[in-house]
Amino acid sequence: MAEEEIYKYDDLLDSGYELIHLTKKQHNSIIKRRKKNWKNRYEYYLNEDRVIMQEFSSRMLITLNIILYPILVLMAGFSNFKDLNRDLKRLFNEKKYGSFVEDWITINTEQYKEIIRLIGE
């Protein structure tokens, strides 16, 4: 039986990145294929070579899952109860379990230049 790999989140602030903020309007104008909406939230990290975007579930989505939990249990069935709880645990601790999406924007792109322009204002 293969050993399960353990994920460890490396804090980008400790690696020399700077946390930056983009509004929803700024994000959606720069990032055309990953729109920011009520279901997700982003953290943006900048260094001299790239911008790293990490996409997480929004607090509204997490709250909705808590409220709808009894319905989710009935829909998933009691036989899938453990899987549902595992998924919710990953939803509450996305960094700990690595259940988030990460994209890079490199220095030689127009998107990177636009982000630098926006945070410089």
Protein backbone atom coordinates (compact mmCIF):
# COMPACT_ATOMS: atom_id res chain seq x y z
CA MET A 1 0.00 0.00 0.00
CA ALA A 2 1.45 3.36 -1.03
CA GLU A 3 1.99 6.01 1.59
CA GLU A 4 -0.20 9.07 1.21
CA GLU A 5 1.80 12.19 0.47
CA ILE A 6 1.42 14.93 3.05
CA TYR A 7 0.88 18.42 1.66
CA LYS A 8 2.59 21.32 3.40
CA TYR A 9 1.65 24.89 2.55
CA ASP A 10 4.66 27.17 2.14
CA ASP A 11 3.81 30.71 3.20
CA LEU A 12 4.75 32.96 0.29
CA LEU A 13 5.36 35.92 2.60
CA ASP A 14 8.23 33.95 4.16
CA SER A 15 9.61 33.35 0.66
CA GLY A 16 10.00 37.05 -0.15
CA TYR A 17 6.61 37.71 -1.75
CA GLU A 18 4.50 40.74 -0.94
CA LEU A 19 0.74 40.44 -0.42
CA ILE A 20 -1.13 42.82 -2.74
CA HIS A 21 -4.82 43.61 -3.21
CA LEU A 22 -6.84 43.87 -6.39
CA THR A 23 -10.49 44.85 -6.47
CA LYS A 24 -13.06 42.69 -8.22
CA LYS A 25 -13.21 45.16 -11.11
CA GLN A 26 -9.40 45.23 -11.47
CA HIS A 27 -9.18 41.44 -11.29
CA ASN A 28 -11.91 40.86 -13.89
CA SER A 29 -10.40 43.40 -16.29
CA ILE A 30 -6.93 41.79 -16.09
CA ILE A 31 -7.78 38.11 -15.68
CA LYS A 32 -10.24 37.27 -18.43
CA ARG A 33 -10.64 33.52 -17.84
CA ARG A 34 -10.94 33.39 -14.04
CA LYS A 35 -13.59 35.89 -13.06
CA LYS A 36 -13.94 36.90 -9.43
CA ASN A 37 -17.47 36.30 -8.12
CA TRP A 38 -19.40 35.45 -4.94
CA LYS A 39 -18.11 31.85 -4.87
CA ASN A 40 -14.39 32.64 -4.72
CA ARG A 41 -11.83 34.94 -3.19
CA TYR A 42 -8.25 35.55 -4.24
CA GLU A 43 -4.95 36.28 -2.56
CA TYR A 44 -2.29 37.90 -4.73
CA TYR A 45 1.44 37.67 -4.03
CA LEU A 46 4.05 39.71 -5.89
CA ASN A 47 7.80 39.44 -6.30
CA GLU A 48 10.18 40.75 -8.95
CA ASP A 49 9.53 37.77 -11.27
CA ARG A 50 5.84 36.96 -11.02
CA VAL A 51 2.44 37.42 -9.43
CA ILE A 52 0.96 34.34 -7.81
CA MET A 53 -2.84 34.20 -7.52
CA GLN A 54 -4.37 31.74 -5.10
CA GLU A 55 -8.10 31.10 -5.43
CA PHE A 56 -10.06 30.01 -2.35
CA SER A 57 -13.73 29.46 -1.56
CA SER A 58 -15.48 32.60 -0.37
CA ARG A 59 -16.80 32.94 3.14
CA MET A 60 -20.30 33.18 1.68
CA LEU A 61 -19.89 29.80 -0.02
CA ILE A 62 -18.55 28.23 3.19
CA THR A 63 -21.48 29.70 5.16
CA LEU A 64 -23.93 28.37 2.59
CA ASN A 65 -22.42 24.89 2.97
CA ILE A 66 -22.85 25.07 6.75
CA ILE A 67 -26.49 26.13 6.45
CA LEU A 68 -27.27 23.49 3.82
CA TYR A 69 -25.34 20.71 5.58
CA PRO A 70 -28.43 18.67 6.58
CA ILE A 71 -29.72 18.79 3.00
CA LEU A 72 -26.29 17.83 1.67
CA VAL A 73 -26.24 14.80 3.98
CA LEU A 74 -29.65 13.69 2.73
CA MET A 75 -28.69 14.23 -0.91
CA ALA A 76 -25.33 12.47 -0.60
CA GLY A 77 -26.82 9.69 1.46
CA PHE A 78 -25.63 8.37 4.77
CA SER A 79 -23.31 5.94 3.00
CA ASN A 80 -21.30 8.92 1.70
CA PHE A 81 -21.32 10.75 5.04
CA LYS A 82 -17.55 10.35 5.56
CA ASP A 83 -16.76 11.70 2.10
CA LEU A 84 -19.00 14.72 2.69
CA ASN A 85 -17.31 15.47 6.01
CA ARG A 86 -13.86 15.10 4.41
CA ASP A 87 -14.82 17.54 1.66
CA LEU A 88 -16.15 20.07 4.18
CA LYS A 89 -12.98 19.73 6.26
CA ARG A 90 -10.95 20.52 3.14
CA LEU A 91 -13.25 23.49 2.43
CA PHE A 92 -12.60 24.99 5.90
CA ASN A 93 -8.82 24.41 5.73
CA GLU A 94 -7.93 24.96 2.10
CA LYS A 95 -4.33 26.00 2.73
CA LYS A 96 -3.70 23.12 5.10
CA TYR A 97 -4.96 20.48 2.67
CA GLY A 98 -3.92 22.14 -0.60
CA SER A 99 -7.47 22.35 -1.94
CA PHE A 100 -7.07 25.65 -3.74
CA VAL A 101 -6.06 26.78 -7.21
CA GLU A 102 -2.81 28.64 -7.85
CA ASP A 103 -1.91 30.51 -11.04
CA TRP A 104 1.21 32.45 -11.95
CA ILE A 105 1.51 35.59 -14.02
CA THR A 106 5.10 36.01 -15.19
CA ILE A 107 7.00 39.24 -15.64
CA ASN A 108 7.02 39.21 -19.45
CA THR A 109 3.23 39.41 -19.84
CA GLU A 110 0.84 42.33 -20.29
CA GLN A 111 -1.14 41.16 -17.25
CA TYR A 112 1.92 41.51 -15.01
CA LYS A 113 2.60 45.02 -16.33
CA GLU A 114 -1.05 46.00 -15.76
CA ILE A 115 -0.97 44.72 -12.16
CA ILE A 116 2.24 46.67 -11.46
CA ARG A 117 0.63 49.79 -12.95
CA LEU A 118 -2.52 49.37 -10.81
CA ILE A 119 -0.72 48.84 -7.50
CA GLY A 120 1.61 51.75 -8.26
CA GLU A 121 -1.30 54.19 -8.42
